[in-house]
Amino acid sequence: MDQLADTLRENVFWYAGTSPTVRTFKLANDTEHVYAVNIVNTHNRQLDGSVMVIARVQGDYVIIEEDLTDKPLVERLVAAGIPRDKIVCAYLGEPIPDIQAN
């Protein structure tokens, strides 16, 4: 699972970048293998911050809970060598298999 978690972390964190109007934050829980990028609008503080992308490892699956990007995380993960049948896009309504966390 460590290699799967490392691949997931690297690819989720790829979305964290810089901009004159927004700030992104890399969020990680290495114990539970959950990785996210949060976005805050620094130009207009009246706008709510939000999760740009969040995904986790459960068993030998990657569960993508949210992906608001224009370059889908699922595509990056498949390109990184994770089989598509081991990736669940929960945000699209794909069912999460009954899997045990390791």
PDB file of N, CA and C in Angstrom:
ATOM      1  N   MET A   1       0.814  -1.197   0.000  1.00  0.00           N
ATOM      2  CA  MET A   1       0.000   0.000   0.000  1.00  0.00           C
ATOM      3  C   MET A   1       0.853   1.254   0.000  1.00  0.00           C
ATOM      4  N   ASP A   2       2.060   1.176   0.545  1.00  0.00           N
ATOM      5  CA  ASP A   2       2.899   2.372   0.610  1.00  0.00           C
ATOM      6  C   ASP A   2       3.173   2.947  -0.771  1.00  0.00           C
ATOM      7  N   GLN A   3       3.449   2.084  -1.745  1.00  0.00           N
ATOM      8  CA  GLN A   3       3.709   2.574  -3.097  1.00  0.00           C
ATOM      9  C   GLN A   3       2.446   3.201  -3.684  1.00  0.00           C
ATOM     10  N   LEU A   4       1.298   2.591  -3.456  1.00  0.00           N
ATOM     11  CA  LEU A   4       0.043   3.132  -3.938  1.00  0.00           C
ATOM     12  C   LEU A   4      -0.231   4.486  -3.291  1.00  0.00           C
ATOM     13  N   ALA A   5      -0.030   4.580  -1.987  1.00  0.00           N
ATOM     14  CA  ALA A   5      -0.230   5.846  -1.272  1.00  0.00           C
ATOM     15  C   ALA A   5       0.750   6.906  -1.753  1.00  0.00           C
ATOM     16  N   ASP A   6       1.991   6.530  -1.977  1.00  0.00           N
ATOM     17  CA  ASP A   6       2.991   7.483  -2.477  1.00  0.00           C
ATOM     18  C   ASP A   6       2.607   8.016  -3.853  1.00  0.00           C
ATOM     19  N   THR A   7       2.158   7.128  -4.720  1.00  0.00           N
ATOM     20  CA  THR A   7       1.727   7.536  -6.062  1.00  0.00           C
ATOM     21  C   THR A   7       0.529   8.462  -5.977  1.00  0.00           C
ATOM     22  N   LEU A   8      -0.418   8.134  -5.106  1.00  0.00           N
ATOM     23  CA  LEU A   8      -1.596   8.971  -4.940  1.00  0.00           C
ATOM     24  C   LEU A   8      -1.204  10.347  -4.409  1.00  0.00           C
ATOM     25  N   ARG A   9      -0.405  10.383  -3.361  1.00  0.00           N
ATOM     26  CA  ARG A   9       0.033  11.663  -2.771  1.00  0.00           C
ATOM     27  C   ARG A   9       0.698  12.545  -3.827  1.00  0.00           C
ATOM     28  N   GLU A  10       1.638  11.965  -4.550  1.00  0.00           N
ATOM     29  CA  GLU A  10       2.365  12.725  -5.574  1.00  0.00           C
ATOM     30  C   GLU A  10       1.421  13.320  -6.616  1.00  0.00           C
ATOM     31  N   ASN A  11       0.459  12.531  -7.058  1.00  0.00           N
ATOM     32  CA  ASN A  11      -0.446  12.992  -8.107  1.00  0.00           C
ATOM     33  C   ASN A  11      -1.511  13.958  -7.601  1.00  0.00           C
ATOM     34  N   VAL A  12      -1.972  13.785  -6.392  1.00  0.00           N
ATOM     35  CA  VAL A  12      -2.905  14.763  -5.817  1.00  0.00           C
ATOM     36  C   VAL A  12      -2.188  16.096  -5.615  1.00  0.00           C
ATOM     37  N   PHE A  13      -0.983  16.046  -5.055  1.00  0.00           N
ATOM     38  CA  PHE A  13      -0.247  17.279  -4.763  1.00  0.00           C
ATOM     39  C   PHE A  13       0.184  18.012  -6.024  1.00  0.00           C
ATOM     40  N   TRP A  14       0.188  17.361  -7.155  1.00  0.00           N
ATOM     41  CA  TRP A  14       0.496  18.007  -8.432  1.00  0.00           C
ATOM     42  C   TRP A  14      -0.453  19.178  -8.683  1.00  0.00           C
ATOM     43  N   TYR A  15      -1.665  19.101  -8.158  1.00  0.00           N
ATOM     44  CA  TYR A  15      -2.673  20.141  -8.389  1.00  0.00           C
ATOM     45  C   TYR A  15      -2.427  21.413  -7.576  1.00  0.00           C
ATOM     46  N   ALA A  16      -1.584  21.348  -6.583  1.00  0.00           N
ATOM     47  CA  ALA A  16      -1.291  22.532  -5.775  1.00  0.00           C
ATOM     48  C   ALA A  16      -0.341  23.433  -6.544  1.00  0.00           C
ATOM     49  N   GLY A  17      -0.774  24.623  -6.812  1.00  0.00           N
ATOM     50  CA  GLY A  17       0.048  25.552  -7.575  1.00  0.00           C
ATOM     51  C   GLY A  17      -0.072  26.950  -7.006  1.00  0.00           C
ATOM     52  N   THR A  18       0.429  27.896  -7.748  1.00  0.00           N
ATOM     53  CA  THR A  18       0.370  29.286  -7.309  1.00  0.00           C
ATOM     54  C   THR A  18      -0.426  30.111  -8.306  1.00  0.00           C
ATOM     55  N   SER A  19      -1.005  31.161  -7.789  1.00  0.00           N
ATOM     56  CA  SER A  19      -1.795  32.076  -8.600  1.00  0.00           C
ATOM     57  C   SER A  19      -1.861  33.399  -7.847  1.00  0.00           C
ATOM     58  N   PRO A  20      -2.028  34.501  -8.561  1.00  0.00           N
ATOM     59  CA  PRO A  20      -2.142  35.778  -7.858  1.00  0.00           C
ATOM     60  C   PRO A  20      -3.458  35.929  -7.074  1.00  0.00           C
ATOM     61  N   THR A  21      -4.466  35.108  -7.383  1.00  0.00           N
ATOM     62  CA  THR A  21      -5.770  35.288  -6.738  1.00  0.00           C
ATOM     63  C   THR A  21      -6.200  34.143  -5.829  1.00  0.00           C
ATOM     64  N   VAL A  22      -5.532  33.013  -5.907  1.00  0.00           N
ATOM     65  CA  VAL A  22      -5.896  31.885  -5.045  1.00  0.00           C
ATOM     66  C   VAL A  22      -4.648  31.296  -4.408  1.00  0.00           C
ATOM     67  N   ARG A  23      -4.874  30.635  -3.295  1.00  0.00           N
ATOM     68  CA  ARG A  23      -3.791  29.925  -2.612  1.00  0.00           C
ATOM     69  C   ARG A  23      -4.242  28.492  -2.419  1.00  0.00           C
ATOM     70  N   THR A  24      -3.341  27.559  -2.683  1.00  0.00           N
ATOM     71  CA  THR A  24      -3.663  26.151  -2.504  1.00  0.00           C
ATOM     72  C   THR A  24      -2.866  25.589  -1.343  1.00  0.00           C
ATOM     73  N   PHE A  25      -3.458  24.611  -0.697  1.00  0.00           N
ATOM     74  CA  PHE A  25      -2.837  23.957   0.451  1.00  0.00           C
ATOM     75  C   PHE A  25      -2.868  22.453   0.241  1.00  0.00           C
ATOM     76  N   LYS A  26      -1.711  21.818   0.402  1.00  0.00           N
ATOM     77  CA  LYS A  26      -1.620  20.365   0.353  1.00  0.00           C
ATOM     78  C   LYS A  26      -1.997  19.826   1.729  1.00  0.00           C
ATOM     79  N   LEU A  27      -2.926  18.900   1.754  1.00  0.00           N
ATOM     80  CA  LEU A  27      -3.380  18.298   3.008  1.00  0.00           C
ATOM     81  C   LEU A  27      -3.127  16.800   2.952  1.00  0.00           C
ATOM     82  N   ALA A  28      -2.548  16.266   4.032  1.00  0.00           N
ATOM     83  CA  ALA A  28      -2.223  14.843   4.038  1.00  0.00           C
ATOM     84  C   ALA A  28      -2.498  14.218   5.394  1.00  0.00           C
ATOM     85  N   ASN A  29      -3.051  13.034   5.351  1.00  0.00           N
ATOM     86  CA  ASN A  29      -3.157  12.179   6.527  1.00  0.00           C
ATOM     87  C   ASN A  29      -2.507  10.867   6.117  1.00  0.00           C
ATOM     88  N   ASP A  30      -1.212  10.754   6.409  1.00  0.00           N
ATOM     89  CA  ASP A  30      -0.472   9.568   5.980  1.00  0.00           C
ATOM     90  C   ASP A  30      -0.893   8.312   6.727  1.00  0.00           C
ATOM     91  N   THR A  31      -1.447   8.451   7.917  1.00  0.00           N
ATOM     92  CA  THR A  31      -1.909   7.288   8.671  1.00  0.00           C
ATOM     93  C   THR A  31      -3.100   6.637   7.979  1.00  0.00           C
ATOM     94  N   GLU A  32      -4.015   7.467   7.493  1.00  0.00           N
ATOM     95  CA  GLU A  32      -5.221   6.943   6.839  1.00  0.00           C
ATOM     96  C   GLU A  32      -5.139   7.005   5.316  1.00  0.00           C
ATOM     97  N   HIS A  33      -4.016   7.474   4.792  1.00  0.00           N
ATOM     98  CA  HIS A  33      -3.767   7.538   3.351  1.00  0.00           C
ATOM     99  C   HIS A  33      -4.819   8.382   2.627  1.00  0.00           C
ATOM    100  N   VAL A  34      -5.037   9.592   3.163  1.00  0.00           N
ATOM    101  CA  VAL A  34      -5.970  10.545   2.565  1.00  0.00           C
ATOM    102  C   VAL A  34      -5.165  11.769   2.152  1.00  0.00           C
ATOM    103  N   TYR A  35      -5.364  12.214   0.903  1.00  0.00           N
ATOM    104  CA  TYR A  35      -4.600  13.343   0.364  1.00  0.00           C
ATOM    105  C   TYR A  35      -5.546  14.289  -0.357  1.00  0.00           C
ATOM    106  N   ALA A  36      -5.309  15.592  -0.175  1.00  0.00           N
ATOM    107  CA  ALA A  36      -6.208  16.584  -0.758  1.00  0.00           C
ATOM    108  C   ALA A  36      -5.452  17.862  -1.066  1.00  0.00           C
ATOM    109  N   VAL A  37      -6.067  18.666  -1.907  1.00  0.00           N
ATOM    110  CA  VAL A  37      -5.616  20.033  -2.142  1.00  0.00           C
ATOM    111  C   VAL A  37      -6.831  20.919  -1.904  1.00  0.00           C
ATOM    112  N   ASN A  38      -6.647  21.887  -1.007  1.00  0.00           N
ATOM    113  CA  ASN A  38      -7.690  22.851  -0.680  1.00  0.00           C
ATOM    114  C   ASN A  38      -7.350  24.162  -1.369  1.00  0.00           C
ATOM    115  N   ILE A  39      -8.369  24.911  -1.763  1.00  0.00           N
ATOM    116  CA  ILE A  39      -8.151  26.177  -2.454  1.00  0.00           C
ATOM    117  C   ILE A  39      -8.876  27.301  -1.715  1.00  0.00           C
ATOM    118  N   VAL A  40      -8.177  28.424  -1.563  1.00  0.00           N
ATOM    119  CA  VAL A  40      -8.733  29.602  -0.901  1.00  0.00           C
ATOM    120  C   VAL A  40      -8.531  30.786  -1.831  1.00  0.00           C
ATOM    121  N   ASN A  41      -9.591  31.541  -2.057  1.00  0.00           N
ATOM    122  CA  ASN A  41      -9.512  32.729  -2.899  1.00  0.00           C
ATOM    123  C   ASN A  41      -8.960  33.874  -2.062  1.00  0.00           C
ATOM    124  N   THR A  42      -7.734  34.278  -2.322  1.00  0.00           N
ATOM    125  CA  THR A  42      -7.105  35.361  -1.551  1.00  0.00           C
ATOM    126  C   THR A  42      -7.477  36.732  -2.098  1.00  0.00           C
ATOM    127  N   HIS A  43      -8.002  36.774  -3.300  1.00  0.00           N
ATOM    128  CA  HIS A  43      -8.414  38.037  -3.910  1.00  0.00           C
ATOM    129  C   HIS A  43      -9.780  38.474  -3.387  1.00  0.00           C
ATOM    130  N   ASN A  44     -10.665  37.513  -3.174  1.00  0.00           N
ATOM    131  CA  ASN A  44     -12.016  37.806  -2.706  1.00  0.00           C
ATOM    132  C   ASN A  44     -12.334  36.891  -1.528  1.00  0.00           C
ATOM    133  N   ARG A  45     -12.081  37.355  -0.336  1.00  0.00           N
ATOM    134  CA  ARG A  45     -12.291  36.540   0.867  1.00  0.00           C
ATOM    135  C   ARG A  45     -13.770  36.241   1.129  1.00  0.00           C
ATOM    136  N   GLN A  46     -14.666  36.875   0.389  1.00  0.00           N
ATOM    137  CA  GLN A  46     -16.097  36.587   0.546  1.00  0.00           C
ATOM    138  C   GLN A  46     -16.451  35.218  -0.034  1.00  0.00           C
ATOM    139  N   LEU A  47     -15.610  34.722  -0.927  1.00  0.00           N
ATOM    140  CA  LEU A  47     -15.857  33.410  -1.518  1.00  0.00           C
ATOM    141  C   LEU A  47     -15.361  32.326  -0.573  1.00  0.00           C
ATOM    142  N   ASP A  48     -16.105  31.243  -0.512  1.00  0.00           N
ATOM    143  CA  ASP A  48     -15.726  30.123   0.342  1.00  0.00           C
ATOM    144  C   ASP A  48     -14.534  29.381  -0.234  1.00  0.00           C
ATOM    145  N   GLY A  49     -13.699  28.870   0.651  1.00  0.00           N
ATOM    146  CA  GLY A  49     -12.653  27.937   0.241  1.00  0.00           C
ATOM    147  C   GLY A  49     -13.299  26.596  -0.059  1.00  0.00           C
ATOM    148  N   SER A  50     -12.578  25.753  -0.766  1.00  0.00           N
ATOM    149  CA  SER A  50     -13.152  24.442  -1.075  1.00  0.00           C
ATOM    150  C   SER A  50     -12.048  23.428  -1.325  1.00  0.00           C
ATOM    151  N   VAL A  51     -12.452  22.186  -1.324  1.00  0.00           N
ATOM    152  CA  VAL A  51     -11.552  21.099  -1.675  1.00  0.00           C
ATOM    153  C   VAL A  51     -11.532  21.016  -3.196  1.00  0.00           C
ATOM    154  N   MET A  52     -10.340  21.099  -3.773  1.00  0.00           N
ATOM    155  CA  MET A  52     -10.185  20.978  -5.220  1.00  0.00           C
ATOM    156  C   MET A  52     -10.192  19.507  -5.615  1.00  0.00           C
ATOM    157  N   VAL A  53      -9.454  18.708  -4.845  1.00  0.00           N
ATOM    158  CA  VAL A  53      -9.367  17.273  -5.110  1.00  0.00           C
ATOM    159  C   VAL A  53      -9.048  16.577  -3.790  1.00  0.00           C
ATOM    160  N   ILE A  54      -9.714  15.441  -3.552  1.00  0.00           N
ATOM    161  CA  ILE A  54      -9.434  14.633  -2.366  1.00  0.00           C
ATOM    162  C   ILE A  54      -9.602  13.166  -2.738  1.00  0.00           C
ATOM    163  N   ALA A  55      -8.630  12.361  -2.311  1.00  0.00           N
ATOM    164  CA  ALA A  55      -8.667  10.934  -2.618  1.00  0.00           C
ATOM    165  C   ALA A  55      -7.997  10.169  -1.487  1.00  0.00           C
ATOM    166  N   ARG A  56      -8.301   8.875  -1.435  1.00  0.00           N
ATOM    167  CA  ARG A  56      -7.757   8.045  -0.363  1.00  0.00           C
ATOM    168  C   ARG A  56      -7.478   6.646  -0.887  1.00  0.00           C
ATOM    169  N   VAL A  57      -6.621   5.955  -0.159  1.00  0.00           N
ATOM    170  CA  VAL A  57      -6.344   4.553  -0.447  1.00  0.00           C
ATOM    171  C   VAL A  57      -7.135   3.726   0.549  1.00  0.00           C
ATOM    172  N   GLN A  58      -7.834   2.753   0.043  1.00  0.00           N
ATOM    173  CA  GLN A  58      -8.541   1.798   0.896  1.00  0.00           C
ATOM    174  C   GLN A  58      -8.306   0.420   0.300  1.00  0.00           C
ATOM    175  N   GLY A  59      -7.642  -0.429   1.075  1.00  0.00           N
ATOM    176  CA  GLY A  59      -7.251  -1.735   0.541  1.00  0.00           C
ATOM    177  C   GLY A  59      -6.292  -1.528  -0.613  1.00  0.00           C
ATOM    178  N   ASP A  60      -6.606  -2.114  -1.756  1.00  0.00           N
ATOM    179  CA  ASP A  60      -5.773  -1.892  -2.935  1.00  0.00           C
ATOM    180  C   ASP A  60      -6.496  -1.029  -3.973  1.00  0.00           C
ATOM    181  N   TYR A  61      -7.412  -0.211  -3.491  1.00  0.00           N
ATOM    182  CA  TYR A  61      -8.164   0.718  -4.337  1.00  0.00           C
ATOM    183  C   TYR A  61      -7.807   2.158  -4.001  1.00  0.00           C
ATOM    184  N   VAL A  62      -7.957   3.021  -4.995  1.00  0.00           N
ATOM    185  CA  VAL A  62      -7.919   4.465  -4.789  1.00  0.00           C
ATOM    186  C   VAL A  62      -9.358   4.949  -4.927  1.00  0.00           C
ATOM    187  N   ILE A  63      -9.832   5.652  -3.928  1.00  0.00           N
ATOM    188  CA  ILE A  63     -11.177   6.218  -3.945  1.00  0.00           C
ATOM    189  C   ILE A  63     -11.025   7.726  -4.115  1.00  0.00           C
ATOM    190  N   ILE A  64     -11.505   8.257  -5.224  1.00  0.00           N
ATOM    191  CA  ILE A  64     -11.481   9.700  -5.453  1.00  0.00           C
ATOM    192  C   ILE A  64     -12.827  10.243  -4.986  1.00  0.00           C
ATOM    193  N   GLU A  65     -12.805  10.978  -3.883  1.00  0.00           N
ATOM    194  CA  GLU A  65     -14.046  11.490  -3.290  1.00  0.00           C
ATOM    195  C   GLU A  65     -14.531  12.758  -3.987  1.00  0.00           C
ATOM    196  N   GLU A  66     -13.606  13.597  -4.440  1.00  0.00           N
ATOM    197  CA  GLU A  66     -13.967  14.842  -5.120  1.00  0.00           C
ATOM    198  C   GLU A  66     -12.870  15.199  -6.097  1.00  0.00           C
ATOM    199  N   ASP A  67     -13.254  15.747  -7.237  1.00  0.00           N
ATOM    200  CA  ASP A  67     -12.293  16.222  -8.229  1.00  0.00           C
ATOM    201  C   ASP A  67     -12.953  17.350  -9.009  1.00  0.00           C
ATOM    202  N   LEU A  68     -12.565  18.569  -8.687  1.00  0.00           N
ATOM    203  CA  LEU A  68     -13.120  19.749  -9.353  1.00  0.00           C
ATOM    204  C   LEU A  68     -12.147  20.322 -10.382  1.00  0.00           C
ATOM    205  N   THR A  69     -11.200  19.520 -10.808  1.00  0.00           N
ATOM    206  CA  THR A  69     -10.163  19.994 -11.720  1.00  0.00           C
ATOM    207  C   THR A  69     -10.594  19.832 -13.176  1.00  0.00           C
ATOM    208  N   ASP A  70      -9.867  20.501 -14.064  1.00  0.00           N
ATOM    209  CA  ASP A  70     -10.120  20.322 -15.491  1.00  0.00           C
ATOM    210  C   ASP A  70      -9.194  19.274 -16.102  1.00  0.00           C
ATOM    211  N   LYS A  71      -8.331  18.702 -15.274  1.00  0.00           N
ATOM    212  CA  LYS A  71      -7.440  17.604 -15.672  1.00  0.00           C
ATOM    213  C   LYS A  71      -7.673  16.478 -14.663  1.00  0.00           C
ATOM    214  N   PRO A  72      -8.605  15.574 -14.939  1.00  0.00           N
ATOM    215  CA  PRO A  72      -9.049  14.600 -13.941  1.00  0.00           C
ATOM    216  C   PRO A  72      -7.919  13.759 -13.329  1.00  0.00           C
ATOM    217  N   LEU A  73      -7.988  13.629 -12.020  1.00  0.00           N
ATOM    218  CA  LEU A  73      -7.021  12.823 -11.280  1.00  0.00           C
ATOM    219  C   LEU A  73      -7.013  11.388 -11.783  1.00  0.00           C
ATOM    220  N   VAL A  74      -8.151  10.843 -12.123  1.00  0.00           N
ATOM    221  CA  VAL A  74      -8.215   9.451 -12.590  1.00  0.00           C
ATOM    222  C   VAL A  74      -7.291   9.247 -13.785  1.00  0.00           C
ATOM    223  N   GLU A  75      -7.230  10.210 -14.687  1.00  0.00           N
ATOM    224  CA  GLU A  75      -6.364  10.095 -15.860  1.00  0.00           C
ATOM    225  C   GLU A  75      -4.889  10.107 -15.457  1.00  0.00           C
ATOM    226  N   ARG A  76      -4.530  10.950 -14.507  1.00  0.00           N
ATOM    227  CA  ARG A  76      -3.144  11.011 -14.022  1.00  0.00           C
ATOM    228  C   ARG A  76      -2.758   9.683 -13.364  1.00  0.00           C
ATOM    229  N   LEU A  77      -3.679   9.118 -12.584  1.00  0.00           N
ATOM    230  CA  LEU A  77      -3.377   7.869 -11.885  1.00  0.00           C
ATOM    231  C   LEU A  77      -3.210   6.700 -12.848  1.00  0.00           C
ATOM    232  N   VAL A  78      -4.052   6.641 -13.852  1.00  0.00           N
ATOM    233  CA  VAL A  78      -3.914   5.585 -14.863  1.00  0.00           C
ATOM    234  C   VAL A  78      -2.583   5.746 -15.596  1.00  0.00           C
ATOM    235  N   ALA A  79      -2.225   6.973 -15.944  1.00  0.00           N
ATOM    236  CA  ALA A  79      -0.938   7.231 -16.609  1.00  0.00           C
ATOM    237  C   ALA A  79       0.237   6.856 -15.703  1.00  0.00           C
ATOM    238  N   ALA A  80       0.031   6.932 -14.378  1.00  0.00           N
ATOM    239  CA  ALA A  80       1.077   6.578 -13.413  1.00  0.00           C
ATOM    240  C   ALA A  80       1.151   5.071 -13.168  1.00  0.00           C
ATOM    241  N   GLY A  81       0.255   4.304 -13.802  1.00  0.00           N
ATOM    242  CA  GLY A  81       0.330   2.851 -13.704  1.00  0.00           C
ATOM    243  C   GLY A  81      -0.700   2.190 -12.808  1.00  0.00           C
ATOM    244  N   ILE A  82      -1.634   2.945 -12.266  1.00  0.00           N
ATOM    245  CA  ILE A  82      -2.690   2.342 -11.441  1.00  0.00           C
ATOM    246  C   ILE A  82      -3.808   1.875 -12.379  1.00  0.00           C
ATOM    247  N   PRO A  83      -4.172   0.599 -12.333  1.00  0.00           N
ATOM    248  CA  PRO A  83      -5.229   0.099 -13.224  1.00  0.00           C
ATOM    249  C   PRO A  83      -6.556   0.825 -12.967  1.00  0.00           C
ATOM    250  N   ARG A  84      -7.252   1.144 -14.050  1.00  0.00           N
ATOM    251  CA  ARG A  84      -8.525   1.881 -13.921  1.00  0.00           C
ATOM    252  C   ARG A  84      -9.524   1.111 -13.059  1.00  0.00           C
ATOM    253  N   ASP A  85      -9.483  -0.215 -13.095  1.00  0.00           N
ATOM    254  CA  ASP A  85     -10.441  -0.984 -12.301  1.00  0.00           C
ATOM    255  C   ASP A  85     -10.108  -0.964 -10.803  1.00  0.00           C
ATOM    256  N   LYS A  86      -9.002  -0.332 -10.424  1.00  0.00           N
ATOM    257  CA  LYS A  86      -8.638  -0.159  -9.012  1.00  0.00           C
ATOM    258  C   LYS A  86      -8.841   1.284  -8.563  1.00  0.00           C
ATOM    259  N   ILE A  87      -9.508   2.083  -9.403  1.00  0.00           N
ATOM    260  CA  ILE A  87      -9.801   3.484  -9.088  1.00  0.00           C
ATOM    261  C   ILE A  87     -11.309   3.665  -9.096  1.00  0.00           C
ATOM    262  N   VAL A  88     -11.840   4.234  -8.026  1.00  0.00           N
ATOM    263  CA  VAL A  88     -13.267   4.494  -7.910  1.00  0.00           C
ATOM    264  C   VAL A  88     -13.473   6.002  -7.894  1.00  0.00           C
ATOM    265  N   CYS A  89     -14.248   6.505  -8.839  1.00  0.00           N
ATOM    266  CA  CYS A  89     -14.588   7.931  -8.881  1.00  0.00           C
ATOM    267  C   CYS A  89     -15.923   8.102  -8.150  1.00  0.00           C
ATOM    268  N   ALA A  90     -15.843   8.161  -6.831  1.00  0.00           N
ATOM    269  CA  ALA A  90     -17.057   8.267  -6.009  1.00  0.00           C
ATOM    270  C   ALA A  90     -17.832   9.537  -6.325  1.00  0.00           C
ATOM    271  N   TYR A  91     -17.137  10.610  -6.677  1.00  0.00           N
ATOM    272  CA  TYR A  91     -17.790  11.883  -6.983  1.00  0.00           C
ATOM    273  C   TYR A  91     -18.650  11.794  -8.253  1.00  0.00           C
ATOM    274  N   LEU A  92     -18.412  10.778  -9.074  1.00  0.00           N
ATOM    275  CA  LEU A  92     -19.232  10.550 -10.265  1.00  0.00           C
ATOM    276  C   LEU A  92     -20.325   9.519 -10.015  1.00  0.00           C
ATOM    277  N   GLY A  93     -20.396   9.028  -8.784  1.00  0.00           N
ATOM    278  CA  GLY A  93     -21.418   8.050  -8.446  1.00  0.00           C
ATOM    279  C   GLY A  93     -20.988   6.608  -8.619  1.00  0.00           C
ATOM    280  N   GLU A  94     -19.712   6.364  -8.926  1.00  0.00           N
ATOM    281  CA  GLU A  94     -19.242   4.987  -9.026  1.00  0.00           C
ATOM    282  C   GLU A  94     -19.318   4.338  -7.651  1.00  0.00           C
ATOM    283  N   PRO A  95     -19.843   3.128  -7.576  1.00  0.00           N
ATOM    284  CA  PRO A  95     -19.990   2.481  -6.266  1.00  0.00           C
ATOM    285  C   PRO A  95     -18.639   2.092  -5.678  1.00  0.00           C
ATOM    286  N   ILE A  96     -18.528   2.259  -4.383  1.00  0.00           N
ATOM    287  CA  ILE A  96     -17.320   1.862  -3.664  1.00  0.00           C
ATOM    288  C   ILE A  96     -17.461   0.389  -3.319  1.00  0.00           C
ATOM    289  N   PRO A  97     -16.523  -0.432  -3.760  1.00  0.00           N
ATOM    290  CA  PRO A  97     -16.611  -1.867  -3.448  1.00  0.00           C
ATOM    291  C   PRO A  97     -16.492  -2.107  -1.943  1.00  0.00           C
ATOM    292  N   ASP A  98     -16.998  -3.210  -1.519  1.00  0.00           N
ATOM    293  CA  ASP A  98     -16.868  -3.610  -0.111  1.00  0.00           C
ATOM    294  C   ASP A  98     -15.441  -4.111   0.104  1.00  0.00           C
ATOM    295  N   ILE A  99     -14.572  -3.209   0.524  1.00  0.00           N
ATOM    296  CA  ILE A  99     -13.166  -3.528   0.669  1.00  0.00           C
ATOM    297  C   ILE A  99     -12.726  -3.213   2.083  1.00  0.00           C
ATOM    298  N   GLN A 100     -11.747  -3.950   2.525  1.00  0.00           N
ATOM    299  CA  GLN A 100     -11.208  -3.764   3.874  1.00  0.00           C
ATOM    300  C   GLN A 100      -9.990  -2.858   3.800  1.00  0.00           C
ATOM    301  N   ALA A 101      -9.883  -1.926   4.741  1.00  0.00           N
ATOM    302  CA  ALA A 101      -8.690  -1.090   4.831  1.00  0.00           C
ATOM    303  C   ALA A 101      -7.551  -1.943   5.349  1.00  0.00           C
ATOM    304  N   ASN A 102      -6.353  -1.704   4.833  1.00  0.00           N
ATOM    305  CA  ASN A 102      -5.171  -2.438   5.317  1.00  0.00           C
ATOM    306  C   ASN A 102      -4.494  -1.663   6.411  1.00  0.00           C
TER     307      ASN A 102
END
